[in-house]
Amino acid sequence: MSVRAVQIVHPELGRRVAIVSACGKWLVFAGDYRSIYDAAMHAISVPERLEETLRGAAIGFNKISYDEVYNGASPWKLLPAFDHPQDPAHCLVTGTGLTHRKSADNRNSMHSGAADGHLTDSMQMYIWGEEGGRPEPGTIGVAPEWFFKGDAGILRAHGEPLTVPDYAEDGGEEAELAGLYIVGPNGTVYRIGFAASNEFSDHVKESHNYLYLAPSKLRECSIGPEAVIAGDFSVVNGTASIVRDGETIWSLEISSGGDAMTHTLANMEHHHFKYLAHRRPGDAHIYFFGTPGFSFGTGIQMQDGDEMHVQFEGYGRPLINPIKIEPGPETLVAVKPL
């Protein structure tokens, strides 16, 4: 069985790791581990499976109410489900898209060429994935799309707002699954597990021209509240929704996971970690696997205070983030000669 773990922080006691009890009511402290990263490094050194490390440490009755933490009624606060505890710059946050048909259709409709029957570059890349993204085990398939979002400084936890900065044109949810990884001391890459996530992008910016995709991705994002260790990734069903003033204004049943994507997990992982710079010992990686659909494609215009809800079956409690829109105009950033 999988282990669902959270990272939490106390204003006086600092960071801790806890696992979700079988009944889902309690967070049981995993010994003295301050981060999932630290527990993973210990598991590598033993060696043993990470779920064994966490289960072995979570013994006894040192537990707290999950409801209180989740609802913000405890001094313990949820952190992003995974990060690099010492240095945010050593946690690379990246992603891949065009892995699900619905998102490819949405992307295709944004870009010129779709109306006159010509394939856009986005749809062509999706088709390449359909044709060559699921190679036989042990072989290499076609490369998926890849983009950079930032380092761990852009990560937000459950309940924290995701910000539309003053220079942005929009902000919208992208409900996805994310892979969590750590690079061991000898450069071997280890998969920690997975987490529900909101990749959050500026779709209006991207819609002007697909070459704006790169800057449209340089935004905050959220993962969690739980990291699923050794979870099932074959077919993962879920729901994405937008809540405004307590009322659900948009909702979509979604399906992701290895069987629902044009690329296999192994193929995506190979094409991310084939770069030597992505196998630097000690680094952490959070890798978004693409969305099955998003509200922007249905004409939803997000407003300040709207809540974005993401939940996947078997991945714990919903990930909820309000949207915060910074008022304009854009502030000029001036560079001084030295």
Foldseek 3Di string as FASTA:
>chain_A
DWWKKFWKAAPPPGIFIFTQDPVRFKTFTQARDRFLLVLCQVCVVVPDASVCSSVVRRDDDRIDTPVCQLVVNDSIHTFFAHAQVPDQQLEWEKEFALFFPAVLVLLQVLAPPVVVPHGDPSVVLNVQLLVWQEDDPPDATDATGMAGQHTNVLEGEFAAAWEDEQAADAKWWFWFKKWKWAAAPVLDIDTQAIWIWTQMFRVVQCSVDVVSRHVRSNTHMYTDSIGIGPDDFAKKKWKKFKADPRRTPDMDIFIHGQNRTSHHPVNNVCNVSVDSVNRDHGGMYMYTYYGNHTCVSVPDGDDAQMKIWIDIPPRDDIRIHTYHYDHDDDDDDDDDDD
